[in-house]
PDB file of N, CA and C in Angstrom:
ATOM      1  N   MET A   1    -120.489  51.709 -81.918  1.00  0.00           N
ATOM      2  CA  MET A   1    -119.415  51.298 -81.214  1.00  0.00           C
ATOM      3  C   MET A   1    -118.091  50.970 -81.687  1.00  0.00           C
ATOM      4  N   ARG A   2    -117.134  50.572 -80.984  1.00  0.00           N
ATOM      5  CA  ARG A   2    -115.970  50.073 -81.161  1.00  0.00           C
ATOM      6  C   ARG A   2    -115.581  48.737 -79.477  1.00  0.00           C
ATOM      7  N   ILE A   3    -114.974  47.903 -79.826  1.00  0.00           N
ATOM      8  CA  ILE A   3    -114.433  47.534 -78.894  1.00  0.00           C
ATOM      9  C   ILE A   3    -112.934  47.542 -78.352  1.00  0.00           C
ATOM     10  N   LYS A   4    -112.982  47.445 -77.192  1.00  0.00           N
ATOM     11  CA  LYS A   4    -111.613  47.829 -76.853  1.00  0.00           C
ATOM     12  C   LYS A   4    -111.443  46.899 -75.739  1.00  0.00           C
ATOM     13  N   ILE A   5    -109.789  46.799 -75.603  1.00  0.00           N
ATOM     14  CA  ILE A   5    -109.198  46.176 -75.217  1.00  0.00           C
ATOM     15  C   ILE A   5    -108.282  46.620 -74.152  1.00  0.00           C
ATOM     16  N   ARG A   6    -109.029  46.713 -72.489  1.00  0.00           N
ATOM     17  CA  ARG A   6    -108.070  46.875 -71.598  1.00  0.00           C
ATOM     18  C   ARG A   6    -107.304  46.788 -70.928  1.00  0.00           C
ATOM     19  N   LEU A   7    -106.273  45.827 -72.183  1.00  0.00           N
ATOM     20  CA  LEU A   7    -104.970  44.885 -71.525  1.00  0.00           C
ATOM     21  C   LEU A   7    -103.679  45.494 -70.382  1.00  0.00           C
ATOM     22  N   GLN A   8    -104.007  46.812 -71.369  1.00  0.00           N
ATOM     23  CA  GLN A   8    -102.587  47.768 -70.971  1.00  0.00           C
ATOM     24  C   GLN A   8    -102.920  48.547 -69.373  1.00  0.00           C
ATOM     25  N   GLU A   9    -104.391  49.288 -69.278  1.00  0.00           N
ATOM     26  CA  GLU A   9    -104.679  49.885 -68.614  1.00  0.00           C
ATOM     27  C   GLU A   9    -104.726  48.750 -66.903  1.00  0.00           C
ATOM     28  N   LEU A  10    -104.763  47.425 -67.398  1.00  0.00           N
ATOM     29  CA  LEU A  10    -104.933  46.662 -66.195  1.00  0.00           C
ATOM     30  C   LEU A  10    -103.778  45.780 -65.539  1.00  0.00           C
ATOM     31  N   LEU A  11    -102.804  46.257 -66.720  1.00  0.00           N
ATOM     32  CA  LEU A  11    -101.090  45.814 -66.565  1.00  0.00           C
ATOM     33  C   LEU A  11    -100.882  46.614 -65.733  1.00  0.00           C
ATOM     34  N   ASP A  12    -100.788  48.060 -66.237  1.00  0.00           N
ATOM     35  CA  ASP A  12    -100.450  49.441 -65.433  1.00  0.00           C
ATOM     36  C   ASP A  12    -101.002  49.662 -63.776  1.00  0.00           C
ATOM     37  N   GLU A  13    -101.977  48.679 -63.698  1.00  0.00           N
ATOM     38  CA  GLU A  13    -102.761  49.328 -62.258  1.00  0.00           C
ATOM     39  C   GLU A  13    -102.002  47.594 -61.400  1.00  0.00           C
ATOM     40  N   ARG A  14    -101.779  47.185 -61.643  1.00  0.00           N
ATOM     41  CA  ARG A  14    -101.314  46.011 -61.180  1.00  0.00           C
ATOM     42  C   ARG A  14     -99.482  45.985 -61.146  1.00  0.00           C
ATOM     43  N   ASN A  15     -99.299  46.734 -61.849  1.00  0.00           N
ATOM     44  CA  ASN A  15     -97.311  46.808 -61.980  1.00  0.00           C
ATOM     45  C   ASN A  15     -97.470  45.597 -62.863  1.00  0.00           C
ATOM     46  N   ILE A  16     -97.348  44.891 -63.423  1.00  0.00           N
ATOM     47  CA  ILE A  16     -97.181  43.897 -64.207  1.00  0.00           C
ATOM     48  C   ILE A  16     -97.004  44.515 -66.233  1.00  0.00           C
ATOM     49  N   SER A  17     -95.233  44.134 -66.680  1.00  0.00           N
ATOM     50  CA  SER A  17     -95.249  44.221 -67.224  1.00  0.00           C
ATOM     51  C   SER A  17     -96.034  43.356 -68.449  1.00  0.00           C
ATOM     52  N   GLN A  18     -95.784  43.941 -69.772  1.00  0.00           N
ATOM     53  CA  GLN A  18     -96.083  43.007 -70.932  1.00  0.00           C
ATOM     54  C   GLN A  18     -95.435  41.873 -70.670  1.00  0.00           C
ATOM     55  N   ARG A  19     -94.049  41.738 -70.788  1.00  0.00           N
ATOM     56  CA  ARG A  19     -93.045  40.806 -70.871  1.00  0.00           C
ATOM     57  C   ARG A  19     -93.676  39.533 -69.476  1.00  0.00           C
ATOM     58  N   GLN A  20     -93.850  40.305 -68.216  1.00  0.00           N
ATOM     59  CA  GLN A  20     -94.189  39.350 -67.453  1.00  0.00           C
ATOM     60  C   GLN A  20     -95.828  38.420 -67.415  1.00  0.00           C
ATOM     61  N   LEU A  21     -97.080  38.887 -68.062  1.00  0.00           N
ATOM     62  CA  LEU A  21     -97.581  38.507 -68.394  1.00  0.00           C
ATOM     63  C   LEU A  21     -97.716  36.939 -69.655  1.00  0.00           C
ATOM     64  N   ALA A  22     -96.973  37.831 -70.701  1.00  0.00           N
ATOM     65  CA  ALA A  22     -96.209  36.844 -71.951  1.00  0.00           C
ATOM     66  C   ALA A  22     -95.569  35.593 -71.039  1.00  0.00           C
ATOM     67  N   LEU A  23     -95.163  35.912 -69.903  1.00  0.00           N
ATOM     68  CA  LEU A  23     -94.898  33.914 -69.682  1.00  0.00           C
ATOM     69  C   LEU A  23     -96.022  33.721 -68.443  1.00  0.00           C
ATOM     70  N   MET A  24     -96.379  34.497 -68.296  1.00  0.00           N
ATOM     71  CA  MET A  24     -97.706  33.901 -66.932  1.00  0.00           C
ATOM     72  C   MET A  24     -98.350  33.156 -67.902  1.00  0.00           C
ATOM     73  N   VAL A  25     -98.863  33.833 -69.117  1.00  0.00           N
ATOM     74  CA  VAL A  25     -99.990  32.951 -69.792  1.00  0.00           C
ATOM     75  C   VAL A  25     -99.415  32.171 -71.090  1.00  0.00           C
ATOM     76  N   ASP A  26     -97.574  31.877 -70.929  1.00  0.00           N
ATOM     77  CA  ASP A  26     -97.493  31.265 -72.027  1.00  0.00           C
ATOM     78  C   ASP A  26     -97.335  31.863 -73.638  1.00  0.00           C
ATOM     79  N   MET A  27     -97.248  32.980 -73.753  1.00  0.00           N
ATOM     80  CA  MET A  27     -97.715  33.364 -75.055  1.00  0.00           C
ATOM     81  C   MET A  27     -96.619  34.408 -75.470  1.00  0.00           C
ATOM     82  N   ARG A  28     -96.495  34.225 -77.061  1.00  0.00           N
ATOM     83  CA  ARG A  28     -95.621  35.597 -77.521  1.00  0.00           C
ATOM     84  C   ARG A  28     -95.923  37.280 -77.031  1.00  0.00           C
ATOM     85  N   PRO A  29     -94.578  37.809 -76.270  1.00  0.00           N
ATOM     86  CA  PRO A  29     -94.924  38.749 -75.766  1.00  0.00           C
ATOM     87  C   PRO A  29     -95.121  40.032 -76.825  1.00  0.00           C
ATOM     88  N   GLY A  30     -94.887  39.599 -78.742  1.00  0.00           N
ATOM     89  CA  GLY A  30     -95.791  39.918 -79.788  1.00  0.00           C
ATOM     90  C   GLY A  30     -97.195  40.449 -79.716  1.00  0.00           C
ATOM     91  N   THR A  31     -97.783  39.318 -79.277  1.00  0.00           N
ATOM     92  CA  THR A  31     -99.047  38.618 -78.825  1.00  0.00           C
ATOM     93  C   THR A  31     -99.353  40.024 -78.232  1.00  0.00           C
ATOM     94  N   ILE A  32     -99.396  39.754 -76.722  1.00  0.00           N
ATOM     95  CA  ILE A  32     -99.483  40.668 -76.027  1.00  0.00           C
ATOM     96  C   ILE A  32     -99.007  42.187 -76.389  1.00  0.00           C
ATOM     97  N   ASN A  33     -99.020  42.524 -76.907  1.00  0.00           N
ATOM     98  CA  ASN A  33     -98.173  44.191 -76.900  1.00  0.00           C
ATOM     99  C   ASN A  33     -98.862  44.646 -77.906  1.00  0.00           C
ATOM    100  N   ALA A  34     -99.963  43.128 -78.895  1.00  0.00           N
ATOM    101  CA  ALA A  34    -100.383  44.076 -80.137  1.00  0.00           C
ATOM    102  C   ALA A  34    -101.807  43.823 -79.576  1.00  0.00           C
ATOM    103  N   LEU A  35    -102.273  43.420 -78.360  1.00  0.00           N
ATOM    104  CA  LEU A  35    -103.314  43.565 -77.736  1.00  0.00           C
ATOM    105  C   LEU A  35    -103.331  45.005 -77.208  1.00  0.00           C
ATOM    106  N   CYS A  36    -102.037  44.790 -76.802  1.00  0.00           N
ATOM    107  CA  CYS A  36    -101.967  46.199 -75.811  1.00  0.00           C
ATOM    108  C   CYS A  36    -102.335  47.475 -76.352  1.00  0.00           C
ATOM    109  N   ARG A  37    -101.650  46.924 -77.856  1.00  0.00           N
ATOM    110  CA  ARG A  37    -102.007  48.663 -77.868  1.00  0.00           C
ATOM    111  C   ARG A  37    -102.854  48.918 -79.365  1.00  0.00           C
ATOM    112  N   GLY A  38    -103.996  47.627 -78.971  1.00  0.00           N
ATOM    113  CA  GLY A  38    -105.323  47.746 -80.133  1.00  0.00           C
ATOM    114  C   GLY A  38    -105.210  47.817 -81.367  1.00  0.00           C
ATOM    115  N   THR A  39    -103.994  46.855 -81.921  1.00  0.00           N
ATOM    116  CA  THR A  39    -103.698  46.857 -83.127  1.00  0.00           C
ATOM    117  C   THR A  39    -103.610  45.517 -83.919  1.00  0.00           C
ATOM    118  N   THR A  40    -104.496  44.791 -82.836  1.00  0.00           N
ATOM    119  CA  THR A  40    -105.057  43.416 -83.523  1.00  0.00           C
ATOM    120  C   THR A  40    -106.581  43.802 -83.948  1.00  0.00           C
ATOM    121  N   ASP A  41    -107.359  42.780 -84.923  1.00  0.00           N
ATOM    122  CA  ASP A  41    -108.158  42.809 -85.400  1.00  0.00           C
ATOM    123  C   ASP A  41    -108.777  41.027 -84.777  1.00  0.00           C
ATOM    124  N   ARG A  42    -108.121  40.547 -84.666  1.00  0.00           N
ATOM    125  CA  ARG A  42    -108.790  38.926 -83.583  1.00  0.00           C
ATOM    126  C   ARG A  42    -108.205  38.689 -83.120  1.00  0.00           C
ATOM    127  N   ILE A  43    -108.881  37.832 -82.365  1.00  0.00           N
ATOM    128  CA  ILE A  43    -108.849  37.002 -80.838  1.00  0.00           C
ATOM    129  C   ILE A  43    -109.191  35.749 -80.571  1.00  0.00           C
ATOM    130  N   TYR A  44    -108.553  35.401 -80.672  1.00  0.00           N
ATOM    131  CA  TYR A  44    -108.943  34.047 -80.242  1.00  0.00           C
ATOM    132  C   TYR A  44    -109.543  33.500 -78.371  1.00  0.00           C
ATOM    133  N   ILE A  45    -111.027  33.212 -78.150  1.00  0.00           N
ATOM    134  CA  ILE A  45    -111.418  33.177 -77.110  1.00  0.00           C
ATOM    135  C   ILE A  45    -110.783  32.695 -75.847  1.00  0.00           C
ATOM    136  N   SER A  46    -109.829  31.842 -76.133  1.00  0.00           N
ATOM    137  CA  SER A  46    -108.601  30.786 -75.170  1.00  0.00           C
ATOM    138  C   SER A  46    -107.704  31.818 -75.134  1.00  0.00           C
ATOM    139  N   THR A  47    -107.480  33.109 -75.936  1.00  0.00           N
ATOM    140  CA  THR A  47    -106.689  34.011 -75.015  1.00  0.00           C
ATOM    141  C   THR A  47    -107.069  34.723 -74.212  1.00  0.00           C
ATOM    142  N   LEU A  48    -107.941  34.522 -74.377  1.00  0.00           N
ATOM    143  CA  LEU A  48    -108.790  36.193 -73.172  1.00  0.00           C
ATOM    144  C   LEU A  48    -108.880  35.209 -72.308  1.00  0.00           C
ATOM    145  N   GLU A  49    -109.257  33.931 -72.281  1.00  0.00           N
ATOM    146  CA  GLU A  49    -109.668  33.065 -70.461  1.00  0.00           C
ATOM    147  C   GLU A  49    -109.007  33.308 -70.206  1.00  0.00           C
ATOM    148  N   GLN A  50    -106.898  32.987 -70.817  1.00  0.00           N
ATOM    149  CA  GLN A  50    -105.883  32.415 -70.301  1.00  0.00           C
ATOM    150  C   GLN A  50    -105.817  34.109 -69.459  1.00  0.00           C
ATOM    151  N   ILE A  51    -105.651  35.233 -70.757  1.00  0.00           N
ATOM    152  CA  ILE A  51    -105.553  36.466 -70.102  1.00  0.00           C
ATOM    153  C   ILE A  51    -106.771  36.471 -68.581  1.00  0.00           C
ATOM    154  N   CYS A  52    -107.674  36.591 -67.923  1.00  0.00           N
ATOM    155  CA  CYS A  52    -108.833  36.738 -67.452  1.00  0.00           C
ATOM    156  C   CYS A  52    -108.159  35.926 -65.944  1.00  0.00           C
ATOM    157  N   LYS A  53    -107.828  34.574 -66.097  1.00  0.00           N
ATOM    158  CA  LYS A  53    -107.649  33.877 -65.089  1.00  0.00           C
ATOM    159  C   LYS A  53    -106.067  34.340 -64.782  1.00  0.00           C
ATOM    160  N   ALA A  54    -105.276  34.769 -65.767  1.00  0.00           N
ATOM    161  CA  ALA A  54    -103.820  34.841 -64.762  1.00  0.00           C
ATOM    162  C   ALA A  54    -104.289  36.448 -64.142  1.00  0.00           C
ATOM    163  N   LEU A  55    -104.569  36.887 -64.908  1.00  0.00           N
ATOM    164  CA  LEU A  55    -105.285  38.155 -63.926  1.00  0.00           C
ATOM    165  C   LEU A  55    -106.548  38.054 -62.537  1.00  0.00           C
ATOM    166  N   ASN A  56    -106.872  37.142 -62.417  1.00  0.00           N
ATOM    167  CA  ASN A  56    -107.932  37.000 -61.991  1.00  0.00           C
ATOM    168  C   ASN A  56    -109.268  37.870 -61.978  1.00  0.00           C
ATOM    169  N   ILE A  57    -109.345  38.366 -63.643  1.00  0.00           N
ATOM    170  CA  ILE A  57    -110.671  39.177 -63.771  1.00  0.00           C
ATOM    171  C   ILE A  57    -111.779  38.679 -64.360  1.00  0.00           C
ATOM    172  N   HIS A  58    -112.591  39.749 -64.376  1.00  0.00           N
ATOM    173  CA  HIS A  58    -113.185  38.813 -65.573  1.00  0.00           C
ATOM    174  C   HIS A  58    -113.853  39.522 -66.901  1.00  0.00           C
ATOM    175  N   ILE A  59    -114.156  39.089 -67.815  1.00  0.00           N
ATOM    176  CA  ILE A  59    -114.303  39.117 -69.286  1.00  0.00           C
ATOM    177  C   ILE A  59    -114.437  40.552 -69.093  1.00  0.00           C
ATOM    178  N   HIS A  60    -115.920  40.896 -68.719  1.00  0.00           N
ATOM    179  CA  HIS A  60    -115.956  42.985 -68.876  1.00  0.00           C
ATOM    180  C   HIS A  60    -114.955  43.519 -68.190  1.00  0.00           C
ATOM    181  N   ASP A  61    -114.172  42.947 -67.625  1.00  0.00           N
ATOM    182  CA  ASP A  61    -113.314  43.788 -66.451  1.00  0.00           C
ATOM    183  C   ASP A  61    -111.997  43.799 -67.979  1.00  0.00           C
ATOM    184  N   LEU A  62    -111.711  42.953 -69.047  1.00  0.00           N
ATOM    185  CA  LEU A  62    -110.894  43.058 -69.716  1.00  0.00           C
ATOM    186  C   LEU A  62    -111.374  44.400 -70.825  1.00  0.00           C
ATOM    187  N   ILE A  63    -112.556  43.459 -71.208  1.00  0.00           N
ATOM    188  CA  ILE A  63    -113.472  44.290 -72.701  1.00  0.00           C
ATOM    189  C   ILE A  63    -114.077  45.690 -71.982  1.00  0.00           C
ATOM    190  N   ASP A  64    -114.300  46.397 -72.882  1.00  0.00           N
ATOM    191  CA  ASP A  64    -115.302  47.831 -73.047  1.00  0.00           C
ATOM    192  C   ASP A  64    -114.918  48.155 -74.205  1.00  0.00           C
ATOM    193  N   MET A  65    -116.984  48.739 -74.076  1.00  0.00           N
ATOM    194  CA  MET A  65    -117.318  49.246 -75.590  1.00  0.00           C
ATOM    195  C   MET A  65    -117.203  51.005 -75.741  1.00  0.00           C
ATOM    196  N   GLU A  66    -116.701  51.427 -76.621  1.00  0.00           N
ATOM    197  CA  GLU A  66    -116.836  52.930 -76.744  1.00  0.00           C
ATOM    198  C   GLU A  66    -117.293  53.021 -77.845  1.00  0.00           C
ATOM    199  N   ASP A  67    -118.535  54.676 -77.909  1.00  0.00           N
ATOM    200  CA  ASP A  67    -119.038  54.664 -78.922  1.00  0.00           C
ATOM    201  C   ASP A  67    -118.098  55.289 -79.746  1.00  0.00           C
ATOM    202  N   GLU A  68    -118.264  55.729 -80.712  1.00  0.00           N
ATOM    203  CA  GLU A  68    -116.973  55.755 -81.904  1.00  0.00           C
ATOM    204  C   GLU A  68    -117.515  57.920 -82.144  1.00  0.00           C
TER     205      GLU A  68
END
């Protein structure tokens, strides 16, 4: 199984740009971009918490499991 971060999908649904989210959670835009593209292999729990809080979502809304 592969873990997928659904961040770009959620941002698109809410009409929020990556830059706007970066400002909301006080993170580098590059960090948000890497999460949206799925090019990161590490992520802090606190980062996930900040994103979930900013978007008012649960962690299971942000993370998805995919069969390979």
